[in-house]
Amino acid sequence: MTAKRFFVYGSLTEGMVHYSKIQNFIESLSFARIKATAYRLKVGYPALVKGGSDLVPGQLVELKASELLVGLLDEFYGFNQLDPEKSLYSREEVDVFVEGSSEPIKAWTYFLNPLKLPVNASVIEGGDWRKSMEDQPLMTSKLTEKQSTYIQRLGRSTGREIVPIDLTLYRELMNLELIVDKGRRLALSKLGQEVFKHLG
């Protein structure tokens, strides 16, 4: 098993919803930044696009990384090595600026494919996605327990089963654009799928 360096941001950083996916593989962790442009997605989490001059904060993690773990991270970000142009994200090696060090370090990170950037994503001025999340809470934190539970049930369903819903909850989730009505059954919208992914 070889150690691999990754620059992580958003939901994979310490204290965030997906940190547990990499926690047991971390050999070292330091505060760091990379040059990129940060966008706030409607769900509230950031996505980085290559290019730009903002120094975006995150963490440099050294992972006890097997091909399996890297494969799982690729899958999490929707990166397909065989078809990178059509992938949701690309995995690229970048210069990472670690706090307290003058020389950049090479590490892997995931950039959102600019062609897949949602129209409702907004640039985070200065790249400070943590401040953006503090100023404007995540969509997942605004949901009621009933709404969260229903989204999780719908997200885990096979798609063929009917997950019952009451009219009030139906209206709430339709207004939030989290579900779509497919006639005989309900399904998660793209935004609903993002929310489901970040409910942990």
C-alpha atoms as a PDB file:
ATOM      1  CA  MET A   1       0.000   0.000   0.000  1.00  0.00           C
ATOM      2  CA  THR A   2       1.496   3.307  -1.029  1.00  0.00           C
ATOM      3  CA  ALA A   3       0.926   6.704   0.521  1.00  0.00           C
ATOM      4  CA  LYS A   4      -0.822   9.160  -1.760  1.00  0.00           C
ATOM      5  CA  ARG A   5      -1.335  12.860  -1.190  1.00  0.00           C
ATOM      6  CA  PHE A   6      -4.734  14.417  -1.786  1.00  0.00           C
ATOM      7  CA  PHE A   7      -5.968  17.962  -1.377  1.00  0.00           C
ATOM      8  CA  VAL A   8      -9.501  17.687   0.009  1.00  0.00           C
ATOM      9  CA  TYR A   9     -12.131  20.387   0.481  1.00  0.00           C
ATOM     10  CA  GLY A  10     -15.798  20.649   1.360  1.00  0.00           C
ATOM     11  CA  SER A  11     -17.544  17.516   2.614  1.00  0.00           C
ATOM     12  CA  LEU A  12     -14.345  15.387   2.798  1.00  0.00           C
ATOM     13  CA  THR A  13     -12.531  17.715   5.230  1.00  0.00           C
ATOM     14  CA  GLU A  14     -12.225  17.088   8.957  1.00  0.00           C
ATOM     15  CA  GLY A  15     -15.521  17.631  10.787  1.00  0.00           C
ATOM     16  CA  MET A  16     -17.612  17.392   7.609  1.00  0.00           C
ATOM     17  CA  VAL A  17     -20.182  14.777   6.551  1.00  0.00           C
ATOM     18  CA  HIS A  18     -17.904  12.575   4.359  1.00  0.00           C
ATOM     19  CA  TYR A  19     -14.672  12.825   6.377  1.00  0.00           C
ATOM     20  CA  SER A  20     -15.344   9.333   7.796  1.00  0.00           C
ATOM     21  CA  LYS A  21     -14.822   7.870   4.285  1.00  0.00           C
ATOM     22  CA  ILE A  22     -11.080   8.651   4.475  1.00  0.00           C
ATOM     23  CA  GLN A  23     -10.492   9.090   8.231  1.00  0.00           C
ATOM     24  CA  ASN A  24      -9.060   5.609   8.885  1.00  0.00           C
ATOM     25  CA  PHE A  25      -6.580   5.930   5.993  1.00  0.00           C
ATOM     26  CA  ILE A  26      -5.056   9.286   6.986  1.00  0.00           C
ATOM     27  CA  GLU A  27      -1.358   9.266   7.917  1.00  0.00           C
ATOM     28  CA  SER A  28      -1.008  13.051   8.130  1.00  0.00           C
ATOM     29  CA  LEU A  29      -3.207  16.094   7.696  1.00  0.00           C
ATOM     30  CA  SER A  30      -2.310  19.778   7.308  1.00  0.00           C
ATOM     31  CA  PHE A  31      -4.133  22.986   6.483  1.00  0.00           C
ATOM     32  CA  ALA A  32      -3.381  23.958   2.881  1.00  0.00           C
ATOM     33  CA  ARG A  33      -4.589  25.936  -0.143  1.00  0.00           C
ATOM     34  CA  ILE A  34      -4.630  25.544  -3.910  1.00  0.00           C
ATOM     35  CA  LYS A  35      -5.215  28.031  -6.725  1.00  0.00           C
ATOM     36  CA  ALA A  36      -8.677  27.485  -8.191  1.00  0.00           C
ATOM     37  CA  THR A  37     -12.139  28.982  -8.453  1.00  0.00           C
ATOM     38  CA  ALA A  38     -14.655  27.840  -5.841  1.00  0.00           C
ATOM     39  CA  TYR A  39     -18.359  27.630  -6.625  1.00  0.00           C
ATOM     40  CA  ARG A  40     -21.185  27.174  -4.165  1.00  0.00           C
ATOM     41  CA  LEU A  41     -23.571  24.492  -5.353  1.00  0.00           C
ATOM     42  CA  LYS A  42     -27.282  24.802  -4.558  1.00  0.00           C
ATOM     43  CA  VAL A  43     -26.925  22.073  -1.918  1.00  0.00           C
ATOM     44  CA  GLY A  44     -24.476  24.435  -0.163  1.00  0.00           C
ATOM     45  CA  TYR A  45     -21.213  22.527  -0.590  1.00  0.00           C
ATOM     46  CA  PRO A  46     -18.372  23.828  -2.756  1.00  0.00           C
ATOM     47  CA  ALA A  47     -17.027  22.555  -6.047  1.00  0.00           C
ATOM     48  CA  LEU A  48     -13.673  23.662  -7.416  1.00  0.00           C
ATOM     49  CA  VAL A  49     -13.042  24.492 -11.049  1.00  0.00           C
ATOM     50  CA  LYS A  50      -9.508  24.549 -12.406  1.00  0.00           C
ATOM     51  CA  GLY A  51      -8.081  27.998 -13.045  1.00  0.00           C
ATOM     52  CA  GLY A  52      -8.455  31.285 -11.254  1.00  0.00           C
ATOM     53  CA  SER A  53      -6.196  32.995  -8.765  1.00  0.00           C
ATOM     54  CA  ASP A  54      -8.067  32.444  -5.480  1.00  0.00           C
ATOM     55  CA  LEU A  55      -6.182  30.476  -2.852  1.00  0.00           C
ATOM     56  CA  VAL A  56      -8.907  28.043  -1.850  1.00  0.00           C
ATOM     57  CA  PRO A  57      -8.603  26.515   1.642  1.00  0.00           C
ATOM     58  CA  GLY A  58      -8.695  22.814   2.342  1.00  0.00           C
ATOM     59  CA  GLN A  59      -6.548  20.059   3.794  1.00  0.00           C
ATOM     60  CA  LEU A  60      -3.571  18.157   2.478  1.00  0.00           C
ATOM     61  CA  VAL A  61      -3.993  14.540   3.545  1.00  0.00           C
ATOM     62  CA  GLU A  62      -1.502  11.758   3.136  1.00  0.00           C
ATOM     63  CA  LEU A  63      -3.470   8.552   2.749  1.00  0.00           C
ATOM     64  CA  LYS A  64      -2.500   4.908   3.051  1.00  0.00           C
ATOM     65  CA  ALA A  65      -4.045   4.589  -0.367  1.00  0.00           C
ATOM     66  CA  SER A  66      -4.718   1.350  -2.172  1.00  0.00           C
ATOM     67  CA  GLU A  67      -6.053   1.273  -5.728  1.00  0.00           C
ATOM     68  CA  LEU A  68      -9.394   0.355  -4.142  1.00  0.00           C
ATOM     69  CA  LEU A  69      -9.506   3.539  -2.033  1.00  0.00           C
ATOM     70  CA  VAL A  70      -8.529   5.727  -5.008  1.00  0.00           C
ATOM     71  CA  GLY A  71     -11.206   3.910  -7.037  1.00  0.00           C
ATOM     72  CA  LEU A  72     -13.794   4.656  -4.331  1.00  0.00           C
ATOM     73  CA  LEU A  73     -12.796   8.348  -4.297  1.00  0.00           C
ATOM     74  CA  ASP A  74     -13.046   8.424  -8.101  1.00  0.00           C
ATOM     75  CA  GLU A  75     -16.519   6.895  -7.861  1.00  0.00           C
ATOM     76  CA  PHE A  76     -17.556   9.370  -5.137  1.00  0.00           C
ATOM     77  CA  TYR A  77     -16.607  12.264  -7.445  1.00  0.00           C
ATOM     78  CA  GLY A  78     -17.977  10.665 -10.609  1.00  0.00           C
ATOM     79  CA  PHE A  79     -14.554  10.438 -12.260  1.00  0.00           C
ATOM     80  CA  ASN A  80     -14.074   7.799 -14.948  1.00  0.00           C
ATOM     81  CA  GLN A  81     -10.423   7.326 -15.982  1.00  0.00           C
ATOM     82  CA  LEU A  82     -11.548   5.768 -19.269  1.00  0.00           C
ATOM     83  CA  ASP A  83     -13.732   8.741 -20.189  1.00  0.00           C
ATOM     84  CA  PRO A  84     -12.448  11.862 -18.352  1.00  0.00           C
ATOM     85  CA  GLU A  85     -14.173  14.355 -20.720  1.00  0.00           C
ATOM     86  CA  LYS A  86     -17.622  13.004 -19.818  1.00  0.00           C
ATOM     87  CA  SER A  87     -16.846  12.620 -16.103  1.00  0.00           C
ATOM     88  CA  LEU A  88     -18.473  14.864 -13.508  1.00  0.00           C
ATOM     89  CA  TYR A  89     -15.052  15.609 -11.965  1.00  0.00           C
ATOM     90  CA  SER A  90     -11.452  15.181 -13.089  1.00  0.00           C
ATOM     91  CA  ARG A  91      -8.638  13.997 -10.822  1.00  0.00           C
ATOM     92  CA  GLU A  92      -5.517  16.085 -11.364  1.00  0.00           C
ATOM     93  CA  GLU A  93      -2.150  16.619  -9.730  1.00  0.00           C
ATOM     94  CA  VAL A  94      -1.734  20.212  -8.537  1.00  0.00           C
ATOM     95  CA  ASP A  95       0.576  22.459  -6.518  1.00  0.00           C
ATOM     96  CA  VAL A  96      -0.578  22.595  -2.909  1.00  0.00           C
ATOM     97  CA  PHE A  97       0.537  25.375  -0.594  1.00  0.00           C
ATOM     98  CA  VAL A  98       0.843  24.069   2.958  1.00  0.00           C
ATOM     99  CA  GLU A  99       0.636  26.534   5.823  1.00  0.00           C
ATOM    100  CA  GLY A 100       4.111  27.326   7.129  1.00  0.00           C
ATOM    101  CA  SER A 101       5.946  26.028   4.054  1.00  0.00           C
ATOM    102  CA  SER A 102       7.302  28.163   1.222  1.00  0.00           C
ATOM    103  CA  GLU A 103       7.571  25.394  -1.392  1.00  0.00           C
ATOM    104  CA  PRO A 104       4.435  23.903  -2.950  1.00  0.00           C
ATOM    105  CA  ILE A 105       3.846  20.151  -2.711  1.00  0.00           C
ATOM    106  CA  LYS A 106       2.274  18.013  -5.457  1.00  0.00           C
ATOM    107  CA  ALA A 107      -1.007  16.299  -4.581  1.00  0.00           C
ATOM    108  CA  TRP A 108      -4.133  14.995  -6.278  1.00  0.00           C
ATOM    109  CA  THR A 109      -7.441  16.822  -6.153  1.00  0.00           C
ATOM    110  CA  TYR A 110     -10.812  16.725  -7.872  1.00  0.00           C
ATOM    111  CA  PHE A 111     -12.031  19.538 -10.123  1.00  0.00           C
ATOM    112  CA  LEU A 112     -15.600  19.822 -11.361  1.00  0.00           C
ATOM    113  CA  ASN A 113     -15.885  19.485 -15.136  1.00  0.00           C
ATOM    114  CA  PRO A 114     -16.758  23.078 -16.240  1.00  0.00           C
ATOM    115  CA  LEU A 115     -19.291  21.637 -18.730  1.00  0.00           C
ATOM    116  CA  LYS A 116     -21.159  20.083 -15.769  1.00  0.00           C
ATOM    117  CA  LEU A 117     -21.236  23.264 -13.666  1.00  0.00           C
ATOM    118  CA  PRO A 118     -24.902  23.845 -12.712  1.00  0.00           C
ATOM    119  CA  VAL A 119     -26.384  27.143 -13.901  1.00  0.00           C
ATOM    120  CA  ASN A 120     -27.465  27.944 -10.325  1.00  0.00           C
ATOM    121  CA  ALA A 121     -23.906  27.589  -8.927  1.00  0.00           C
ATOM    122  CA  SER A 122     -22.410  30.863  -7.738  1.00  0.00           C
ATOM    123  CA  VAL A 123     -18.757  31.908  -7.470  1.00  0.00           C
ATOM    124  CA  ILE A 124     -17.494  32.099  -3.890  1.00  0.00           C
ATOM    125  CA  GLU A 125     -15.567  35.376  -3.792  1.00  0.00           C
ATOM    126  CA  GLY A 126     -12.018  34.776  -2.542  1.00  0.00           C
ATOM    127  CA  GLY A 127     -12.629  31.005  -2.535  1.00  0.00           C
ATOM    128  CA  ASP A 128     -13.427  30.776   1.203  1.00  0.00           C
ATOM    129  CA  TRP A 129     -16.106  28.079   1.068  1.00  0.00           C
ATOM    130  CA  ARG A 130     -16.085  27.613   4.867  1.00  0.00           C
ATOM    131  CA  LYS A 131     -17.168  31.230   5.380  1.00  0.00           C
ATOM    132  CA  SER A 132     -19.798  30.786   2.649  1.00  0.00           C
ATOM    133  CA  MET A 133     -21.179  27.768   4.537  1.00  0.00           C
ATOM    134  CA  GLU A 134     -21.248  29.723   7.813  1.00  0.00           C
ATOM    135  CA  ASP A 135     -22.953  32.743   6.219  1.00  0.00           C
ATOM    136  CA  GLN A 136     -25.521  30.678   4.356  1.00  0.00           C
ATOM    137  CA  PRO A 137     -26.399  27.285   5.913  1.00  0.00           C
ATOM    138  CA  LEU A 138     -26.363  24.082   3.873  1.00  0.00           C
ATOM    139  CA  MET A 139     -29.615  22.870   2.369  1.00  0.00           C
ATOM    140  CA  THR A 140     -29.272  19.646   4.394  1.00  0.00           C
ATOM    141  CA  SER A 141     -29.299  21.640   7.651  1.00  0.00           C
ATOM    142  CA  LYS A 142     -32.525  23.438   6.687  1.00  0.00           C
ATOM    143  CA  LEU A 143     -34.546  20.242   6.203  1.00  0.00           C
ATOM    144  CA  THR A 144     -36.963  18.976   8.823  1.00  0.00           C
ATOM    145  CA  GLU A 145     -36.420  15.489  10.210  1.00  0.00           C
ATOM    146  CA  LYS A 146     -39.452  14.284   8.256  1.00  0.00           C
ATOM    147  CA  GLN A 147     -38.077  15.725   4.997  1.00  0.00           C
ATOM    148  CA  SER A 148     -34.607  14.201   5.603  1.00  0.00           C
ATOM    149  CA  THR A 149     -36.071  10.797   6.456  1.00  0.00           C
ATOM    150  CA  TYR A 150     -38.206  10.760   3.298  1.00  0.00           C
ATOM    151  CA  ILE A 151     -35.279  11.785   1.053  1.00  0.00           C
ATOM    152  CA  GLN A 152     -33.165   9.005   2.590  1.00  0.00           C
ATOM    153  CA  ARG A 153     -35.932   6.427   2.062  1.00  0.00           C
ATOM    154  CA  LEU A 154     -36.415   7.539  -1.538  1.00  0.00           C
ATOM    155  CA  GLY A 155     -32.653   7.619  -2.149  1.00  0.00           C
ATOM    156  CA  ARG A 156     -32.246   4.058  -0.868  1.00  0.00           C
ATOM    157  CA  SER A 157     -35.242   2.655  -2.755  1.00  0.00           C
ATOM    158  CA  THR A 158     -34.613   0.578  -5.863  1.00  0.00           C
ATOM    159  CA  GLY A 159     -36.773   2.859  -8.004  1.00  0.00           C
ATOM    160  CA  ARG A 160     -39.454   0.247  -8.608  1.00  0.00           C
ATOM    161  CA  GLU A 161     -41.069   0.417  -5.198  1.00  0.00           C
ATOM    162  CA  ILE A 162     -43.532   3.120  -4.227  1.00  0.00           C
ATOM    163  CA  VAL A 163     -42.509   5.120  -1.157  1.00  0.00           C
ATOM    164  CA  PRO A 164     -45.723   6.586   0.332  1.00  0.00           C
ATOM    165  CA  ILE A 165     -45.887  10.326   1.048  1.00  0.00           C
ATOM    166  CA  ASP A 166     -48.453  12.684   2.546  1.00  0.00           C
ATOM    167  CA  LEU A 167     -49.671  15.711   0.602  1.00  0.00           C
ATOM    168  CA  THR A 168     -48.007  18.319   2.852  1.00  0.00           C
ATOM    169  CA  LEU A 169     -44.581  16.646   2.602  1.00  0.00           C
ATOM    170  CA  TYR A 170     -45.095  16.185  -1.161  1.00  0.00           C
ATOM    171  CA  ARG A 171     -45.712  19.938  -1.590  1.00  0.00           C
ATOM    172  CA  GLU A 172     -42.725  20.879   0.613  1.00  0.00           C
ATOM    173  CA  LEU A 173     -40.299  18.660  -1.295  1.00  0.00           C
ATOM    174  CA  MET A 174     -41.673  19.725  -4.698  1.00  0.00           C
ATOM    175  CA  ASN A 175     -41.247  23.408  -3.707  1.00  0.00           C
ATOM    176  CA  LEU A 176     -37.656  22.695  -2.657  1.00  0.00           C
ATOM    177  CA  GLU A 177     -37.136  20.971  -6.061  1.00  0.00           C
ATOM    178  CA  LEU A 178     -35.921  17.821  -4.313  1.00  0.00           C
ATOM    179  CA  ILE A 179     -38.352  15.346  -5.896  1.00  0.00           C
ATOM    180  CA  VAL A 180     -39.894  14.777  -9.308  1.00  0.00           C
ATOM    181  CA  ASP A 181     -43.266  13.184  -9.936  1.00  0.00           C
ATOM    182  CA  LYS A 182     -42.949  10.367 -12.460  1.00  0.00           C
ATOM    183  CA  GLY A 183     -46.682   9.662 -12.609  1.00  0.00           C
ATOM    184  CA  ARG A 184     -47.010   6.421 -10.669  1.00  0.00           C
ATOM    185  CA  ARG A 185     -44.011   7.026  -8.422  1.00  0.00           C
ATOM    186  CA  LEU A 186     -41.757   9.756  -7.053  1.00  0.00           C
ATOM    187  CA  ALA A 187     -38.019  10.026  -7.584  1.00  0.00           C
ATOM    188  CA  LEU A 188     -35.262  12.330  -6.374  1.00  0.00           C
ATOM    189  CA  SER A 189     -34.422  15.244  -8.656  1.00  0.00           C
ATOM    190  CA  LYS A 190     -30.736  15.956  -9.432  1.00  0.00           C
ATOM    191  CA  LEU A 191     -30.709  18.356  -6.487  1.00  0.00           C
ATOM    192  CA  GLY A 192     -32.477  15.724  -4.375  1.00  0.00           C
ATOM    193  CA  GLN A 193     -29.755  13.212  -5.268  1.00  0.00           C
ATOM    194  CA  GLU A 194     -27.080  15.743  -4.205  1.00  0.00           C
ATOM    195  CA  VAL A 195     -28.908  16.331  -0.906  1.00  0.00           C
ATOM    196  CA  PHE A 196     -29.249  12.555  -0.364  1.00  0.00           C
ATOM    197  CA  LYS A 197     -25.492  12.148  -0.989  1.00  0.00           C
ATOM    198  CA  HIS A 198     -24.742  14.790   1.668  1.00  0.00           C
ATOM    199  CA  LEU A 199     -27.164  13.564   4.323  1.00  0.00           C
ATOM    200  CA  GLY A 200     -24.475  11.089   5.407  1.00  0.00           C
END
